[in-house]
Amino acid sequence: MQIRGVILAAVLAMALAVPVEAQQSPEGVWTFVEIWGETAEGPWKIGAEQKQPNLWIMTEGYYSIAGVGGMAPRPMPPEGATRQSLTPEQAAGVWIPYTSNSGTYEIRGSTIINHPMVALWPMSMAEGAEFTFEFEWDGEDLLVTETLYGTTYTGRLKRLR
């Protein structure tokens, strides 16, 4: 009986010693709830009360990201407007803050590498294009850090499903 108790305690200790990262998977449906970073002008943060709609889905090697950037909702086009009837300024207000890309992903250690197959921005679909995020766990939240165009930012994702 004592030997079984010792073995059970050892197995339990080993299970508890497995890092949280190994116990959790980034697969699921996520939403950014806050994003922060630093530029040459100093630190910045988009908090939960300012964050615009977004969705990040990761499942079985595929991902899809869609979201509105910035801290304010996109302007609604004039009533009755079509894509073709928007002025350049109206079109910019509607489309520039929006991002979307989908494709495959792989995980190497604590790095998520997205390989876009379809994207709003055509250059994101160029052969060899990829987006790399370092990730870590903060309890149930997933923190992802990326450097893009010389700016490093970190986003906190909450699991929706």
N, C-alpha and C. Protein backbone atom coordinates (compact mmCIF):
# COMPACT_ATOMS: atom_id res chain seq x y z
N MET A 1 0.82 -1.20 0.00
CA MET A 1 0.00 0.00 0.00
C MET A 1 0.86 1.26 0.00
N GLN A 2 1.94 1.24 0.80
CA GLN A 2 2.81 2.41 0.84
C GLN A 2 3.47 2.65 -0.50
N ILE A 3 3.87 1.60 -1.20
CA ILE A 3 4.54 1.75 -2.49
C ILE A 3 3.57 2.37 -3.49
N ARG A 4 2.32 1.92 -3.51
CA ARG A 4 1.34 2.52 -4.42
C ARG A 4 1.13 3.99 -4.10
N GLY A 5 1.11 4.31 -2.81
CA GLY A 5 0.96 5.72 -2.41
C GLY A 5 2.13 6.56 -2.87
N VAL A 6 3.34 6.01 -2.78
CA VAL A 6 4.53 6.73 -3.23
C VAL A 6 4.50 6.91 -4.74
N ILE A 7 4.12 5.85 -5.45
CA ILE A 7 4.03 5.93 -6.91
C ILE A 7 2.98 6.96 -7.32
N LEU A 8 1.81 6.91 -6.68
CA LEU A 8 0.74 7.87 -6.99
C LEU A 8 1.21 9.29 -6.71
N ALA A 9 1.90 9.51 -5.61
CA ALA A 9 2.41 10.84 -5.28
C ALA A 9 3.42 11.30 -6.32
N ALA A 10 4.28 10.38 -6.78
CA ALA A 10 5.29 10.73 -7.78
C ALA A 10 4.63 11.09 -9.11
N VAL A 11 3.63 10.30 -9.52
CA VAL A 11 2.91 10.58 -10.77
C VAL A 11 2.20 11.93 -10.67
N LEU A 12 1.55 12.19 -9.55
CA LEU A 12 0.85 13.47 -9.36
C LEU A 12 1.84 14.63 -9.39
N ALA A 13 2.98 14.46 -8.74
CA ALA A 13 3.99 15.52 -8.74
C ALA A 13 4.50 15.79 -10.15
N MET A 14 4.71 14.74 -10.94
CA MET A 14 5.17 14.94 -12.31
C MET A 14 4.11 15.64 -13.15
N ALA A 15 2.84 15.28 -12.95
CA ALA A 15 1.76 15.91 -13.70
C ALA A 15 1.66 17.39 -13.36
N LEU A 16 1.83 17.70 -12.08
CA LEU A 16 1.74 19.11 -11.67
C LEU A 16 2.97 19.90 -12.11
N ALA A 17 4.08 19.21 -12.36
CA ALA A 17 5.30 19.89 -12.77
C ALA A 17 5.30 20.23 -14.26
N VAL A 18 4.37 19.65 -15.05
CA VAL A 18 4.31 19.95 -16.47
C VAL A 18 3.94 21.43 -16.62
N PRO A 19 4.69 22.18 -17.40
CA PRO A 19 4.39 23.61 -17.54
C PRO A 19 2.96 23.85 -18.03
N VAL A 20 2.38 24.97 -17.62
CA VAL A 20 1.02 25.31 -18.04
C VAL A 20 0.92 25.31 -19.56
N GLU A 21 1.99 25.78 -20.24
CA GLU A 21 1.95 25.84 -21.70
C GLU A 21 1.70 24.46 -22.31
N ALA A 22 2.24 23.42 -21.68
CA ALA A 22 2.06 22.08 -22.21
C ALA A 22 0.66 21.55 -21.92
N GLN A 23 0.00 22.09 -20.91
CA GLN A 23 -1.32 21.63 -20.54
C GLN A 23 -2.42 22.35 -21.32
N GLN A 24 -2.13 23.51 -21.88
CA GLN A 24 -3.13 24.30 -22.58
C GLN A 24 -2.80 24.37 -24.06
N SER A 25 -3.81 24.55 -24.85
CA SER A 25 -3.62 24.66 -26.29
C SER A 25 -4.19 25.99 -26.75
N PRO A 26 -3.50 26.65 -27.68
CA PRO A 26 -4.05 27.89 -28.22
C PRO A 26 -5.19 27.66 -29.20
N GLU A 27 -5.53 26.39 -29.47
CA GLU A 27 -6.67 26.15 -30.35
C GLU A 27 -7.94 26.63 -29.68
N GLY A 28 -8.82 27.23 -30.48
CA GLY A 28 -10.09 27.70 -29.96
C GLY A 28 -10.51 28.97 -30.66
N VAL A 29 -11.51 29.61 -30.09
CA VAL A 29 -12.02 30.88 -30.60
C VAL A 29 -11.68 31.94 -29.57
N TRP A 30 -11.00 32.99 -30.00
CA TRP A 30 -10.45 34.01 -29.11
C TRP A 30 -10.87 35.40 -29.55
N THR A 31 -10.79 36.35 -28.62
CA THR A 31 -10.95 37.76 -28.95
C THR A 31 -9.92 38.57 -28.16
N PHE A 32 -9.32 39.55 -28.84
CA PHE A 32 -8.41 40.47 -28.16
C PHE A 32 -9.23 41.35 -27.23
N VAL A 33 -8.80 41.47 -25.97
CA VAL A 33 -9.49 42.35 -25.04
C VAL A 33 -8.66 43.58 -24.70
N GLU A 34 -7.36 43.50 -24.93
CA GLU A 34 -6.51 44.68 -24.78
C GLU A 34 -5.21 44.45 -25.53
N ILE A 35 -4.62 45.54 -25.97
CA ILE A 35 -3.37 45.49 -26.71
C ILE A 35 -2.51 46.65 -26.23
N TRP A 36 -1.22 46.38 -26.04
CA TRP A 36 -0.31 47.45 -25.61
C TRP A 36 1.04 47.26 -26.28
N GLY A 37 1.78 48.36 -26.32
CA GLY A 37 3.10 48.31 -26.93
C GLY A 37 3.86 49.59 -26.69
N GLU A 38 4.93 49.75 -27.45
CA GLU A 38 5.73 50.95 -27.31
C GLU A 38 6.29 51.33 -28.68
N THR A 39 6.24 52.60 -28.98
CA THR A 39 6.83 53.14 -30.20
C THR A 39 7.89 54.15 -29.79
N ALA A 40 8.50 54.80 -30.78
CA ALA A 40 9.49 55.84 -30.50
C ALA A 40 8.86 56.98 -29.70
N GLU A 41 7.54 57.16 -29.86
CA GLU A 41 6.84 58.23 -29.12
C GLU A 41 6.51 57.83 -27.69
N GLY A 42 6.69 56.56 -27.34
CA GLY A 42 6.41 56.11 -25.98
C GLY A 42 5.40 54.97 -25.95
N PRO A 43 5.02 54.56 -24.74
CA PRO A 43 4.09 53.43 -24.60
C PRO A 43 2.66 53.82 -24.99
N TRP A 44 1.89 52.83 -25.41
CA TRP A 44 0.49 53.03 -25.75
C TRP A 44 -0.29 51.79 -25.32
N LYS A 45 -1.59 51.98 -25.17
CA LYS A 45 -2.46 50.86 -24.78
C LYS A 45 -3.87 51.10 -25.30
N ILE A 46 -4.46 50.04 -25.82
CA ILE A 46 -5.88 50.05 -26.18
C ILE A 46 -6.55 49.11 -25.19
N GLY A 47 -7.31 49.69 -24.27
CA GLY A 47 -7.95 48.90 -23.23
C GLY A 47 -9.26 48.27 -23.69
N ALA A 48 -9.81 47.47 -22.81
CA ALA A 48 -11.04 46.73 -23.13
C ALA A 48 -12.18 47.67 -23.52
N GLU A 49 -12.25 48.84 -22.90
CA GLU A 49 -13.35 49.77 -23.20
C GLU A 49 -13.19 50.43 -24.57
N GLN A 50 -12.00 50.38 -25.16
CA GLN A 50 -11.74 51.00 -26.46
C GLN A 50 -11.60 49.97 -27.58
N LYS A 51 -11.38 48.70 -27.24
CA LYS A 51 -11.09 47.67 -28.24
C LYS A 51 -12.27 47.46 -29.16
N GLN A 52 -11.98 47.35 -30.43
CA GLN A 52 -13.00 47.16 -31.45
C GLN A 52 -13.21 45.66 -31.72
N PRO A 53 -14.30 45.30 -32.40
CA PRO A 53 -14.62 43.89 -32.63
C PRO A 53 -13.50 43.14 -33.36
N ASN A 54 -13.26 41.91 -32.91
CA ASN A 54 -12.23 41.09 -33.53
C ASN A 54 -12.47 39.64 -33.16
N LEU A 55 -11.88 38.76 -33.95
CA LEU A 55 -12.05 37.32 -33.73
C LEU A 55 -10.82 36.61 -34.27
N TRP A 56 -10.29 35.67 -33.49
CA TRP A 56 -9.15 34.86 -33.89
C TRP A 56 -9.54 33.41 -33.65
N ILE A 57 -9.63 32.63 -34.71
CA ILE A 57 -10.02 31.22 -34.62
C ILE A 57 -8.82 30.37 -35.00
N MET A 58 -8.49 29.40 -34.15
CA MET A 58 -7.39 28.48 -34.43
C MET A 58 -7.92 27.06 -34.21
N THR A 59 -7.84 26.24 -35.24
CA THR A 59 -8.30 24.87 -35.11
C THR A 59 -7.57 23.95 -36.07
N GLU A 60 -7.08 22.84 -35.56
CA GLU A 60 -6.49 21.77 -36.37
C GLU A 60 -5.55 22.26 -37.46
N GLY A 61 -4.67 23.20 -37.12
CA GLY A 61 -3.68 23.67 -38.07
C GLY A 61 -4.12 24.82 -38.97
N TYR A 62 -5.36 25.27 -38.82
CA TYR A 62 -5.86 26.40 -39.60
C TYR A 62 -6.24 27.54 -38.66
N TYR A 63 -6.16 28.76 -39.19
CA TYR A 63 -6.54 29.93 -38.40
C TYR A 63 -7.30 30.91 -39.27
N SER A 64 -8.02 31.81 -38.62
CA SER A 64 -8.65 32.93 -39.29
C SER A 64 -8.68 34.10 -38.32
N ILE A 65 -8.22 35.26 -38.78
CA ILE A 65 -8.21 36.47 -37.97
C ILE A 65 -8.99 37.55 -38.71
N ALA A 66 -9.89 38.20 -38.02
CA ALA A 66 -10.61 39.34 -38.58
C ALA A 66 -10.80 40.35 -37.46
N GLY A 67 -10.63 41.62 -37.78
CA GLY A 67 -10.83 42.61 -36.73
C GLY A 67 -10.75 44.04 -37.23
N VAL A 68 -11.23 44.91 -36.39
CA VAL A 68 -11.19 46.35 -36.63
C VAL A 68 -10.12 46.93 -35.72
N GLY A 69 -9.17 47.63 -36.30
CA GLY A 69 -8.11 48.25 -35.52
C GLY A 69 -8.54 49.61 -34.98
N GLY A 70 -7.72 50.13 -34.12
CA GLY A 70 -7.98 51.46 -33.57
C GLY A 70 -8.84 51.43 -32.33
N MET A 71 -9.26 52.63 -31.92
CA MET A 71 -10.01 52.78 -30.68
C MET A 71 -11.43 53.29 -30.89
N ALA A 72 -11.86 53.40 -32.14
CA ALA A 72 -13.20 53.91 -32.41
C ALA A 72 -13.84 53.06 -33.51
N PRO A 73 -15.16 52.92 -33.47
CA PRO A 73 -15.83 52.18 -34.54
C PRO A 73 -15.60 52.84 -35.89
N ARG A 74 -15.63 52.02 -36.93
CA ARG A 74 -15.52 52.56 -38.28
C ARG A 74 -16.76 53.40 -38.59
N PRO A 75 -16.60 54.45 -39.39
CA PRO A 75 -17.78 55.27 -39.75
C PRO A 75 -18.71 54.50 -40.67
N MET A 76 -19.99 54.71 -40.49
CA MET A 76 -20.98 54.11 -41.38
C MET A 76 -21.00 54.90 -42.69
N PRO A 77 -21.05 54.21 -43.82
CA PRO A 77 -21.16 54.92 -45.09
C PRO A 77 -22.52 55.64 -45.16
N PRO A 78 -22.63 56.63 -46.02
CA PRO A 78 -23.91 57.32 -46.17
C PRO A 78 -25.01 56.33 -46.57
N GLU A 79 -26.22 56.62 -46.16
CA GLU A 79 -27.35 55.76 -46.50
C GLU A 79 -27.46 55.60 -48.02
N GLY A 80 -27.62 54.38 -48.46
CA GLY A 80 -27.75 54.09 -49.87
C GLY A 80 -26.44 53.98 -50.62
N ALA A 81 -25.31 54.19 -49.93
CA ALA A 81 -24.01 54.13 -50.61
C ALA A 81 -23.67 52.70 -51.00
N THR A 82 -22.92 52.59 -52.07
CA THR A 82 -22.37 51.31 -52.50
C THR A 82 -20.85 51.43 -52.44
N ARG A 83 -20.15 50.33 -52.58
CA ARG A 83 -18.69 50.38 -52.59
C ARG A 83 -18.20 51.33 -53.69
N GLN A 84 -18.86 51.28 -54.83
CA GLN A 84 -18.43 52.09 -55.97
C GLN A 84 -18.75 53.57 -55.77
N SER A 85 -19.74 53.90 -54.97
CA SER A 85 -20.13 55.30 -54.82
C SER A 85 -19.40 56.03 -53.69
N LEU A 86 -18.62 55.31 -52.90
CA LEU A 86 -17.91 55.97 -51.80
C LEU A 86 -16.81 56.87 -52.33
N THR A 87 -16.62 58.00 -51.68
CA THR A 87 -15.49 58.85 -52.01
C THR A 87 -14.22 58.16 -51.49
N PRO A 88 -13.04 58.57 -51.97
CA PRO A 88 -11.81 57.96 -51.44
C PRO A 88 -11.69 58.10 -49.92
N GLU A 89 -12.11 59.23 -49.38
CA GLU A 89 -12.03 59.45 -47.93
C GLU A 89 -13.00 58.51 -47.19
N GLN A 90 -14.22 58.37 -47.71
CA GLN A 90 -15.19 57.48 -47.09
C GLN A 90 -14.71 56.02 -47.14
N ALA A 91 -14.18 55.62 -48.29
CA ALA A 91 -13.67 54.25 -48.45
C ALA A 91 -12.51 54.00 -47.48
N ALA A 92 -11.63 54.96 -47.34
CA ALA A 92 -10.49 54.81 -46.42
C ALA A 92 -10.98 54.63 -44.99
N GLY A 93 -11.97 55.41 -44.59
CA GLY A 93 -12.51 55.30 -43.23
C GLY A 93 -13.15 53.95 -42.94
N VAL A 94 -13.74 53.37 -43.98
CA VAL A 94 -14.41 52.07 -43.83
C VAL A 94 -13.41 50.92 -43.88
N TRP A 95 -12.48 50.95 -44.83
CA TRP A 95 -11.64 49.78 -45.09
C TRP A 95 -10.28 49.78 -44.43
N ILE A 96 -9.63 50.91 -44.26
CA ILE A 96 -8.28 50.91 -43.69
C ILE A 96 -8.23 50.30 -42.29
N PRO A 97 -9.17 50.57 -41.40
CA PRO A 97 -9.05 49.98 -40.05
C PRO A 97 -9.31 48.47 -39.99
N TYR A 98 -9.80 47.88 -41.08
CA TYR A 98 -10.18 46.47 -41.05
C TYR A 98 -9.03 45.59 -41.53
N THR A 99 -8.83 44.47 -40.85
CA THR A 99 -7.84 43.50 -41.28
C THR A 99 -8.45 42.11 -41.25
N SER A 100 -7.99 41.28 -42.15
CA SER A 100 -8.51 39.92 -42.22
C SER A 100 -7.50 39.05 -42.96
N ASN A 101 -7.20 37.90 -42.39
CA ASN A 101 -6.42 36.90 -43.10
C ASN A 101 -6.66 35.53 -42.50
N SER A 102 -6.54 34.52 -43.34
CA SER A 102 -6.79 33.14 -42.93
C SER A 102 -5.79 32.25 -43.64
N GLY A 103 -5.47 31.14 -43.00
CA GLY A 103 -4.54 30.20 -43.60
C GLY A 103 -4.20 29.08 -42.65
N THR A 104 -2.96 28.64 -42.69
CA THR A 104 -2.50 27.57 -41.82
C THR A 104 -1.58 28.16 -40.75
N TYR A 105 -1.41 27.40 -39.67
CA TYR A 105 -0.46 27.83 -38.65
C TYR A 105 0.30 26.63 -38.13
N GLU A 106 1.44 26.91 -37.55
CA GLU A 106 2.23 25.89 -36.87
C GLU A 106 2.72 26.48 -35.56
N ILE A 107 3.03 25.60 -34.64
CA ILE A 107 3.57 26.03 -33.35
C ILE A 107 4.95 25.41 -33.20
N ARG A 108 5.92 26.26 -32.89
CA ARG A 108 7.28 25.81 -32.59
C ARG A 108 7.65 26.37 -31.23
N GLY A 109 7.62 25.50 -30.22
CA GLY A 109 7.90 25.96 -28.86
C GLY A 109 6.83 26.94 -28.41
N SER A 110 7.23 28.18 -28.16
CA SER A 110 6.27 29.21 -27.75
C SER A 110 6.02 30.21 -28.87
N THR A 111 6.17 29.76 -30.12
CA THR A 111 5.97 30.62 -31.28
C THR A 111 4.84 30.08 -32.15
N ILE A 112 3.89 30.94 -32.49
CA ILE A 112 2.85 30.62 -33.45
C ILE A 112 3.25 31.27 -34.77
N ILE A 113 3.29 30.49 -35.83
CA ILE A 113 3.65 31.02 -37.15
C ILE A 113 2.43 30.87 -38.05
N ASN A 114 1.85 32.00 -38.46
CA ASN A 114 0.70 32.01 -39.37
C ASN A 114 1.19 32.14 -40.80
N HIS A 115 0.64 31.29 -41.67
CA HIS A 115 0.94 31.33 -43.10
C HIS A 115 -0.35 31.68 -43.84
N PRO A 116 -0.58 32.96 -44.16
CA PRO A 116 -1.83 33.36 -44.80
C PRO A 116 -2.02 32.71 -46.18
N MET A 117 -3.24 32.29 -46.44
CA MET A 117 -3.62 31.78 -47.76
C MET A 117 -4.52 32.78 -48.47
N VAL A 118 -5.32 33.51 -47.70
CA VAL A 118 -6.19 34.55 -48.24
C VAL A 118 -6.16 35.72 -47.25
N ALA A 119 -6.09 36.94 -47.79
CA ALA A 119 -5.97 38.10 -46.92
C ALA A 119 -6.52 39.34 -47.60
N LEU A 120 -6.97 40.28 -46.80
CA LEU A 120 -7.43 41.56 -47.32
C LEU A 120 -6.27 42.28 -48.01
N TRP A 121 -5.09 42.24 -47.39
CA TRP A 121 -3.91 42.90 -47.92
C TRP A 121 -3.18 41.90 -48.82
N PRO A 122 -3.13 42.12 -50.15
CA PRO A 122 -2.55 41.14 -51.07
C PRO A 122 -1.12 40.73 -50.73
N MET A 123 -0.30 41.65 -50.22
CA MET A 123 1.09 41.30 -49.91
C MET A 123 1.17 40.24 -48.82
N SER A 124 0.14 40.15 -47.99
CA SER A 124 0.13 39.12 -46.95
C SER A 124 0.02 37.73 -47.53
N MET A 125 -0.43 37.63 -48.78
CA MET A 125 -0.59 36.33 -49.43
C MET A 125 0.60 35.96 -50.30
N ALA A 126 1.61 36.81 -50.35
CA ALA A 126 2.77 36.53 -51.19
C ALA A 126 3.44 35.23 -50.74
N GLU A 127 4.06 34.57 -51.69
CA GLU A 127 4.75 33.32 -51.37
C GLU A 127 5.76 33.55 -50.24
N GLY A 128 5.71 32.71 -49.23
CA GLY A 128 6.61 32.80 -48.09
C GLY A 128 6.18 33.77 -47.02
N ALA A 129 5.07 34.49 -47.22
CA ALA A 129 4.61 35.44 -46.20
C ALA A 129 4.21 34.69 -44.94
N GLU A 130 4.56 35.23 -43.80
CA GLU A 130 4.15 34.65 -42.53
C GLU A 130 4.16 35.72 -41.46
N PHE A 131 3.37 35.47 -40.44
CA PHE A 131 3.31 36.35 -39.27
C PHE A 131 3.67 35.50 -38.07
N THR A 132 4.61 35.98 -37.26
CA THR A 132 5.11 35.22 -36.13
C THR A 132 4.73 35.90 -34.83
N PHE A 133 4.16 35.13 -33.93
CA PHE A 133 3.74 35.62 -32.62
C PHE A 133 4.40 34.77 -31.55
N GLU A 134 4.99 35.40 -30.56
CA GLU A 134 5.43 34.68 -29.37
C GLU A 134 4.21 34.60 -28.45
N PHE A 135 4.01 33.45 -27.82
CA PHE A 135 2.85 33.37 -26.93
C PHE A 135 3.24 32.83 -25.57
N GLU A 136 2.45 33.22 -24.59
CA GLU A 136 2.58 32.72 -23.22
C GLU A 136 1.21 32.78 -22.57
N TRP A 137 1.07 32.05 -21.50
CA TRP A 137 -0.21 31.98 -20.79
C TRP A 137 -0.18 32.89 -19.59
N ASP A 138 -1.29 33.58 -19.35
CA ASP A 138 -1.50 34.36 -18.14
C ASP A 138 -2.81 33.85 -17.55
N GLY A 139 -2.73 32.78 -16.78
CA GLY A 139 -3.94 32.10 -16.32
C GLY A 139 -4.62 31.46 -17.52
N GLU A 140 -5.87 31.80 -17.74
CA GLU A 140 -6.63 31.28 -18.89
C GLU A 140 -6.45 32.14 -20.13
N ASP A 141 -5.85 33.32 -19.98
CA ASP A 141 -5.66 34.23 -21.10
C ASP A 141 -4.41 33.86 -21.89
N LEU A 142 -4.46 34.12 -23.18
CA LEU A 142 -3.32 33.89 -24.06
C LEU A 142 -2.72 35.25 -24.40
N LEU A 143 -1.45 35.44 -24.12
CA LEU A 143 -0.76 36.67 -24.49
C LEU A 143 0.06 36.40 -25.74
N VAL A 144 -0.11 37.22 -26.76
CA VAL A 144 0.68 37.09 -27.99
C VAL A 144 1.44 38.38 -28.22
N THR A 145 2.70 38.24 -28.61
CA THR A 145 3.55 39.40 -28.87
C THR A 145 4.08 39.30 -30.29
N GLU A 146 4.00 40.41 -31.01
CA GLU A 146 4.45 40.46 -32.40
C GLU A 146 5.19 41.77 -32.62
N THR A 147 6.18 41.73 -33.48
CA THR A 147 6.83 42.95 -33.95
C THR A 147 6.44 43.13 -35.40
N LEU A 148 5.80 44.25 -35.69
CA LEU A 148 5.29 44.52 -37.02
C LEU A 148 5.62 45.96 -37.39
N TYR A 149 6.29 46.15 -38.50
CA TYR A 149 6.68 47.49 -38.97
C TYR A 149 7.45 48.26 -37.90
N GLY A 150 8.32 47.56 -37.19
CA GLY A 150 9.16 48.21 -36.19
C GLY A 150 8.50 48.47 -34.85
N THR A 151 7.26 48.08 -34.68
CA THR A 151 6.56 48.26 -33.41
C THR A 151 6.27 46.89 -32.79
N THR A 152 6.63 46.73 -31.55
CA THR A 152 6.32 45.50 -30.83
C THR A 152 5.08 45.74 -29.99
N TYR A 153 4.13 44.84 -30.10
CA TYR A 153 2.92 44.96 -29.29
C TYR A 153 2.59 43.60 -28.69
N THR A 154 1.85 43.65 -27.60
CA THR A 154 1.35 42.44 -26.94
C THR A 154 -0.16 42.57 -26.83
N GLY A 155 -0.84 41.49 -27.12
CA GLY A 155 -2.30 41.46 -27.01
C GLY A 155 -2.74 40.38 -26.06
N ARG A 156 -3.75 40.68 -25.28
CA ARG A 156 -4.36 39.71 -24.37
C ARG A 156 -5.61 39.16 -25.04
N LEU A 157 -5.62 37.86 -25.24
CA LEU A 157 -6.77 37.17 -25.85
C LEU A 157 -7.54 36.42 -24.78
N LYS A 158 -8.86 36.57 -24.81
CA LYS A 158 -9.77 35.78 -23.96
C LYS A 158 -10.40 34.72 -24.82
N ARG A 159 -10.49 33.52 -24.27
CA ARG A 159 -11.11 32.41 -25.01
C ARG A 159 -12.63 32.58 -24.99
N LEU A 160 -13.23 32.52 -26.16
CA LEU A 160 -14.69 32.56 -26.28
C LEU A 160 -15.24 31.14 -26.32
N ARG A 161 -14.42 30.24 -26.87
CA ARG A 161 -14.83 28.84 -26.96
C ARG A 161 -13.63 27.95 -27.12
